[in-house]
Amino acid sequence: MKFLLQLIVIFVLAYVLELFFPWYVIVVAAFFAGYVVRSRANFLAGFLAIAGLWVWKAWMIDGEASTDLSTRVARIFTLQDNTLLFVITALVGGLVGGFAALSGALLRPAKKKWYEKR
């Protein structure tokens, strides 16, 4: 249940923040959710949430575009199809989100130990 909650929090928070800020604000969303929600699979939640968000946004932008922009970009990278471009996009975003959520989760015990030393 916590995993699903963390997944939804990261997805919604990253979506809202990306409306107003640059792409790298996903780090803040995933880090915050990893710090607040006590889940066992922080990396996986961050990875799936951000990868899903980026694939969904790329698919929406590709569908709304009046030209086949994703196919042209795929040809620049010598890819056969734009589907692989979406996979690469998901992989990059997912890794950033996963490591951000994991960093937030790993910071929580370190902060607790710092207070226990005093």
Protein backbone atom coordinates (compact mmCIF):
# COMPACT_ATOMS: atom_id res chain seq x y z
CA MET A 1 0.00 0.00 0.00
CA LYS A 2 2.86 2.36 0.81
CA PHE A 3 4.47 1.53 -2.52
CA LEU A 4 1.33 2.52 -4.40
CA LEU A 5 0.97 5.68 -2.32
CA GLN A 6 4.57 6.64 -3.04
CA LEU A 7 4.09 5.92 -6.73
CA ILE A 8 1.03 8.17 -6.91
CA VAL A 9 2.64 10.95 -4.86
CA ILE A 10 5.71 11.03 -7.10
CA PHE A 11 3.64 10.92 -10.29
CA VAL A 12 1.22 13.70 -9.28
CA LEU A 13 3.82 15.93 -7.63
CA ALA A 14 6.23 15.61 -10.55
CA TYR A 15 3.45 16.31 -13.05
CA VAL A 16 2.36 19.47 -11.23
CA LEU A 17 5.91 20.72 -10.72
CA GLU A 18 6.84 20.07 -14.36
CA LEU A 19 4.06 22.43 -15.43
CA PHE A 20 5.94 25.37 -13.93
CA PHE A 21 9.60 24.35 -13.66
CA PRO A 22 12.25 22.63 -15.84
CA TRP A 23 12.44 18.87 -16.29
CA TYR A 24 14.89 18.29 -13.46
CA VAL A 25 12.29 19.25 -10.85
CA ILE A 26 11.35 15.56 -10.89
CA VAL A 27 14.31 15.07 -8.56
CA VAL A 28 12.60 17.22 -5.93
CA ALA A 29 9.32 15.32 -6.25
CA ALA A 30 10.92 11.88 -6.03
CA PHE A 31 13.29 12.92 -3.24
CA PHE A 32 10.40 14.34 -1.20
CA ALA A 33 8.28 11.23 -1.64
CA GLY A 34 11.21 8.98 -0.81
CA TYR A 35 11.88 10.95 2.36
CA VAL A 36 8.26 11.15 3.54
CA VAL A 37 6.78 7.77 2.55
CA ARG A 38 8.39 4.81 4.30
CA SER A 39 8.40 2.21 1.56
CA ARG A 40 10.71 -0.73 0.98
CA ALA A 41 10.93 -0.25 -2.79
CA ASN A 42 11.86 3.42 -3.06
CA PHE A 43 13.98 3.09 -6.18
CA LEU A 44 11.33 1.08 -7.98
CA ALA A 45 8.58 3.53 -7.05
CA GLY A 46 10.61 6.50 -8.27
CA PHE A 47 11.64 4.68 -11.42
CA LEU A 48 8.14 3.54 -12.38
CA ALA A 49 6.46 6.85 -11.53
CA ILE A 50 8.83 9.07 -13.48
CA ALA A 51 9.24 6.63 -16.38
CA GLY A 52 5.48 6.35 -16.66
CA LEU A 53 5.04 10.10 -16.44
CA TRP A 54 7.60 10.80 -19.12
CA VAL A 55 6.27 8.14 -21.50
CA TRP A 56 2.75 9.44 -21.00
CA LYS A 57 3.82 13.05 -21.59
CA ALA A 58 5.92 12.11 -24.63
CA TRP A 59 3.01 10.15 -26.07
CA MET A 60 0.62 13.07 -25.46
CA ILE A 61 3.00 15.57 -27.05
CA ASP A 62 3.57 13.23 -30.00
CA GLY A 63 -0.17 12.83 -30.48
CA GLU A 64 -0.86 16.56 -30.33
CA ALA A 65 1.97 17.52 -32.70
CA SER A 66 0.97 18.38 -36.24
CA THR A 67 4.12 16.73 -37.60
CA ASP A 68 5.88 13.44 -36.95
CA LEU A 69 8.49 15.08 -34.73
CA SER A 70 9.32 11.99 -32.69
CA THR A 71 10.00 9.99 -35.86
CA ARG A 72 12.34 12.72 -37.09
CA VAL A 73 14.19 12.81 -33.77
CA ALA A 74 14.45 9.01 -33.85
CA ARG A 75 16.01 9.24 -37.30
CA ILE A 76 18.57 11.75 -36.00
CA PHE A 77 19.66 9.14 -33.45
CA THR A 78 19.61 6.47 -36.18
CA LEU A 79 16.74 4.60 -34.56
CA GLN A 80 14.31 2.69 -36.72
CA ASP A 81 11.15 3.68 -34.87
CA ASN A 82 10.01 6.30 -32.39
CA THR A 83 8.99 3.55 -29.93
CA LEU A 84 12.62 3.02 -28.99
CA LEU A 85 12.91 6.77 -28.45
CA PHE A 86 10.07 6.55 -25.92
CA VAL A 87 11.84 3.64 -24.19
CA ILE A 88 15.08 5.61 -23.93
CA THR A 89 13.15 8.59 -22.59
CA ALA A 90 11.52 6.39 -19.96
CA LEU A 91 14.85 4.84 -19.01
CA VAL A 92 16.59 8.18 -18.48
CA GLY A 93 13.70 9.68 -16.53
CA GLY A 94 13.21 6.51 -14.55
CA LEU A 95 16.84 6.34 -13.47
CA VAL A 96 16.80 9.97 -12.36
CA GLY A 97 13.55 9.47 -10.44
CA GLY A 98 14.64 6.18 -8.94
CA PHE A 99 17.93 7.48 -7.62
CA ALA A 100 16.25 10.62 -6.28
CA ALA A 101 13.66 8.58 -4.37
CA LEU A 102 16.36 6.27 -3.07
CA SER A 103 18.43 9.25 -1.92
CA GLY A 104 15.46 10.66 -0.04
CA ALA A 105 14.84 7.33 1.66
CA LEU A 106 18.49 6.88 2.59
CA LEU A 107 18.71 10.38 4.06
CA ARG A 108 15.92 9.68 6.56
CA PRO A 109 17.88 7.15 8.69
CA ALA A 110 21.03 9.28 8.52
CA LYS A 111 19.18 12.25 9.95
CA LYS A 112 17.70 10.08 12.70
CA LYS A 113 21.14 8.76 13.67
CA TRP A 114 22.50 12.30 13.80
CA TYR A 115 19.87 13.25 16.37
CA GLU A 116 20.49 10.10 18.42
CA LYS A 117 24.17 10.98 18.82
CA ARG A 118 23.37 14.17 20.71
